[in-house]
């Protein structure tokens, strides 16, 4: 996560990295049971993090976006469905939990980035999310990387980073960006 965080920070975004596993003492995901058991606590952790970030002086609380990888993408999308403070989500090889359809109050623009050959989170999750966004007429962009699995490298990683930056600029930037040079 250091590379995308650095890229965004270099472009003037205030970047915070959330370690949601810390709240539950989780070190790895050993199956769906762990996810179902801890998901509500991780969602609360994300809510608390957005509350913290929104109070920071260098953050415009009207322009908060989330970027999530895998399980983090599921959390980011779930949070955005119930938290109007979130204005954009970039999801890397994740999806929207089917259980969230009962709780979805709103959705924000989403950038979907997924590997065609992902065996951990099948690409169907990306297409399911795309269909949901289309049905609700929510702005989205999607890029499915041919041959890529659960994670990107090389040109796919570079492309995903550029798409992320462009998407967040489009949906969060105020147009009054201050750039400093040394």
Protein backbone atom coordinates (compact mmCIF):
# COMPACT_ATOMS: atom_id res chain seq x y z
CA UNK A 1 0.00 0.00 0.00
CA UNK A 2 3.00 2.28 0.29
CA UNK A 3 3.23 2.86 -3.45
CA UNK A 4 -0.35 4.06 -4.07
CA UNK A 5 -0.31 6.04 -0.82
CA UNK A 6 2.91 7.80 -1.86
CA UNK A 7 1.60 8.48 -5.36
CA UNK A 8 -1.55 10.09 -4.02
CA UNK A 9 0.30 12.06 -1.34
CA UNK A 10 2.71 13.40 -3.98
CA UNK A 11 -0.32 14.72 -5.88
CA UNK A 12 -1.62 16.63 -2.87
CA UNK A 13 -4.05 14.13 -1.36
CA UNK A 14 -4.09 13.69 2.41
CA UNK A 15 -3.52 9.93 2.77
CA UNK A 16 -4.24 7.77 5.82
CA UNK A 17 -3.65 4.01 5.94
CA UNK A 18 -6.04 2.10 8.17
CA UNK A 19 -4.93 -1.09 9.91
CA UNK A 20 -8.39 -2.48 10.66
CA UNK A 21 -7.02 -5.93 11.63
CA UNK A 22 -5.44 -4.31 14.71
CA UNK A 23 -8.80 -3.81 16.41
CA UNK A 24 -9.55 -7.54 16.32
CA UNK A 25 -6.00 -8.82 16.72
CA UNK A 26 -6.32 -10.56 13.37
CA UNK A 27 -3.12 -11.49 11.59
CA UNK A 28 -4.55 -13.44 8.66
CA UNK A 29 -7.84 -14.52 7.15
CA UNK A 30 -8.28 -18.25 7.69
CA UNK A 31 -11.71 -18.50 6.11
CA UNK A 32 -15.09 -16.87 5.76
CA UNK A 33 -15.92 -17.49 9.41
CA UNK A 34 -13.21 -15.02 10.46
CA UNK A 35 -14.54 -12.45 8.00
CA UNK A 36 -18.16 -12.82 9.15
CA UNK A 37 -17.12 -12.69 12.82
CA UNK A 38 -15.01 -9.54 12.50
CA UNK A 39 -16.67 -7.63 9.64
CA UNK A 40 -18.91 -5.51 11.92
CA UNK A 41 -15.93 -4.51 14.10
CA UNK A 42 -13.87 -3.67 11.01
CA UNK A 43 -16.76 -1.57 9.68
CA UNK A 44 -16.88 0.31 13.00
CA UNK A 45 -13.12 0.80 12.76
CA UNK A 46 -13.55 2.27 9.28
CA UNK A 47 -16.36 4.54 10.51
CA UNK A 48 -14.11 5.76 13.32
CA UNK A 49 -11.26 6.32 10.87
CA UNK A 50 -13.44 8.40 8.54
CA UNK A 51 -14.58 10.43 11.58
CA UNK A 52 -10.97 11.01 12.58
CA UNK A 53 -9.85 11.95 9.07
CA UNK A 54 -12.80 14.32 8.60
CA UNK A 55 -11.62 16.33 11.66
CA UNK A 56 -8.07 16.82 10.37
CA UNK A 57 -7.28 20.42 9.37
CA UNK A 58 -5.72 19.44 6.03
CA UNK A 59 -8.80 17.41 5.01
CA UNK A 60 -11.93 18.74 3.37
CA UNK A 61 -14.63 16.58 5.02
CA UNK A 62 -16.75 17.01 1.89
CA UNK A 63 -14.15 15.23 -0.28
CA UNK A 64 -13.31 11.92 1.40
CA UNK A 65 -12.54 8.89 -0.73
CA UNK A 66 -11.60 5.34 0.14
CA UNK A 67 -9.22 2.97 -1.58
CA UNK A 68 -9.43 -0.69 -0.65
CA UNK A 69 -7.62 -3.87 -1.60
CA UNK A 70 -9.41 -7.24 -1.52
CA UNK A 71 -11.18 -7.44 1.87
CA UNK A 72 -10.43 -3.74 2.30
CA UNK A 73 -12.36 -3.10 -0.91
CA UNK A 74 -15.38 -4.96 0.47
CA UNK A 75 -15.16 -2.83 3.60
CA UNK A 76 -14.76 0.41 1.63
CA UNK A 77 -17.76 -0.33 -0.59
CA UNK A 78 -19.87 -1.42 2.38
CA UNK A 79 -18.99 1.75 4.29
CA UNK A 80 -19.76 3.94 1.29
CA UNK A 81 -23.21 2.35 1.03
CA UNK A 82 -24.19 3.67 4.46
CA UNK A 83 -21.91 6.67 5.04
CA UNK A 84 -22.64 9.82 3.04
CA UNK A 85 -19.29 11.32 4.04
CA UNK A 86 -17.61 9.00 1.53
CA UNK A 87 -17.67 10.56 -1.93
CA UNK A 88 -15.66 8.05 -4.01
CA UNK A 89 -14.27 4.52 -3.74
CA UNK A 90 -11.47 2.82 -5.61
CA UNK A 91 -11.71 -0.91 -5.18
CA UNK A 92 -8.89 -3.26 -6.12
CA UNK A 93 -9.96 -6.90 -6.58
CA UNK A 94 -12.86 -6.74 -4.15
CA UNK A 95 -16.62 -6.43 -4.36
CA UNK A 96 -19.81 -5.53 -2.55
CA UNK A 97 -20.99 -8.11 0.00
CA UNK A 98 -24.33 -9.49 -1.07
CA UNK A 99 -25.58 -8.98 2.49
CA UNK A 100 -25.17 -5.21 2.04
CA UNK A 101 -28.08 -5.04 -0.40
CA UNK A 102 -30.32 -4.89 2.69
CA UNK A 103 -28.40 -1.95 4.18
CA UNK A 104 -27.44 0.08 1.12
CA UNK A 105 -28.76 3.60 1.55
CA UNK A 106 -26.65 5.24 -1.12
CA UNK A 107 -23.68 4.67 -3.35
CA UNK A 108 -20.91 6.95 -4.55
CA UNK A 109 -18.79 6.83 -7.71
CA UNK A 110 -16.64 3.70 -7.84
CA UNK A 111 -13.54 2.68 -9.76
CA UNK A 112 -13.48 -1.11 -10.17
CA UNK A 113 -10.05 -2.67 -10.80
CA UNK A 114 -9.94 -6.46 -11.05
CA UNK A 115 -7.90 -9.28 -12.49
CA UNK A 116 -9.63 -11.51 -15.02
CA UNK A 117 -8.07 -14.65 -13.50
CA UNK A 118 -8.50 -13.77 -9.82
CA UNK A 119 -9.00 -17.04 -7.93
CA UNK A 120 -9.39 -15.39 -4.50
CA UNK A 121 -12.14 -12.93 -5.46
CA UNK A 122 -13.61 -14.07 -8.78
CA UNK A 123 -14.01 -11.43 -11.49
CA UNK A 124 -17.77 -12.03 -11.30
CA UNK A 125 -17.70 -9.88 -8.16
CA UNK A 126 -16.57 -6.93 -10.31
CA UNK A 127 -19.32 -7.55 -12.83
CA UNK A 128 -21.93 -7.90 -10.07
CA UNK A 129 -20.85 -4.52 -8.68
CA UNK A 130 -20.93 -3.01 -12.17
CA UNK A 131 -24.52 -4.22 -12.66
CA UNK A 132 -25.59 -2.81 -9.29
CA UNK A 133 -24.04 0.59 -10.08
CA UNK A 134 -25.66 0.67 -13.52
CA UNK A 135 -29.05 -0.24 -12.07
CA UNK A 136 -28.77 2.60 -9.54
CA UNK A 137 -27.31 4.96 -12.18
CA UNK A 138 -24.18 5.60 -10.14
CA UNK A 139 -21.03 6.80 -11.90
CA UNK A 140 -18.35 4.14 -12.20
CA UNK A 141 -15.36 3.09 -14.20
CA UNK A 142 -14.16 -0.47 -14.61
CA UNK A 143 -10.92 -2.07 -15.76
CA UNK A 144 -10.54 -5.81 -15.92
CA UNK A 145 -6.91 -6.81 -16.46
CA UNK A 146 -6.57 -9.82 -18.79
CA UNK A 147 -4.46 -12.58 -17.32
CA UNK A 148 -4.10 -10.85 -13.94
CA UNK A 149 -4.92 -12.64 -10.71
CA UNK A 150 -5.46 -11.37 -7.18
CA UNK A 151 -3.03 -8.48 -7.22
CA UNK A 152 -1.32 -6.54 -9.93
CA UNK A 153 2.26 -6.07 -11.02
CA UNK A 154 4.18 -4.43 -13.83
CA UNK A 155 2.13 -2.55 -16.39
CA UNK A 156 -1.20 -3.53 -14.78
CA UNK A 157 -0.07 -2.03 -11.46
CA UNK A 158 1.14 1.15 -13.18
CA UNK A 159 -2.10 1.48 -15.15
CA UNK A 160 -4.20 0.89 -12.02
CA UNK A 161 -2.26 3.62 -10.22
CA UNK A 162 -2.81 6.12 -13.03
CA UNK A 163 -6.50 5.25 -13.24
CA UNK A 164 -6.81 5.65 -9.47
CA UNK A 165 -5.22 9.08 -9.56
CA UNK A 166 -7.40 10.26 -12.47
CA UNK A 167 -10.57 8.91 -10.85
CA UNK A 168 -9.90 10.56 -7.50
CA UNK A 169 -8.94 13.82 -9.22
CA UNK A 170 -12.22 13.71 -11.12
CA UNK A 171 -14.44 12.92 -8.14
CA UNK A 172 -12.66 14.59 -5.22
CA UNK A 173 -10.40 17.41 -6.41
CA UNK A 174 -11.54 20.95 -5.75
CA UNK A 175 -9.74 22.40 -8.72
CA UNK A 176 -7.79 24.63 -6.31
CA UNK A 177 -4.90 22.31 -5.70
CA UNK A 178 -1.76 23.82 -4.21
CA UNK A 179 1.42 22.26 -5.53
CA UNK A 180 4.75 22.89 -3.87
CA UNK A 181 8.10 22.19 -5.45
CA UNK A 182 11.49 22.01 -3.81
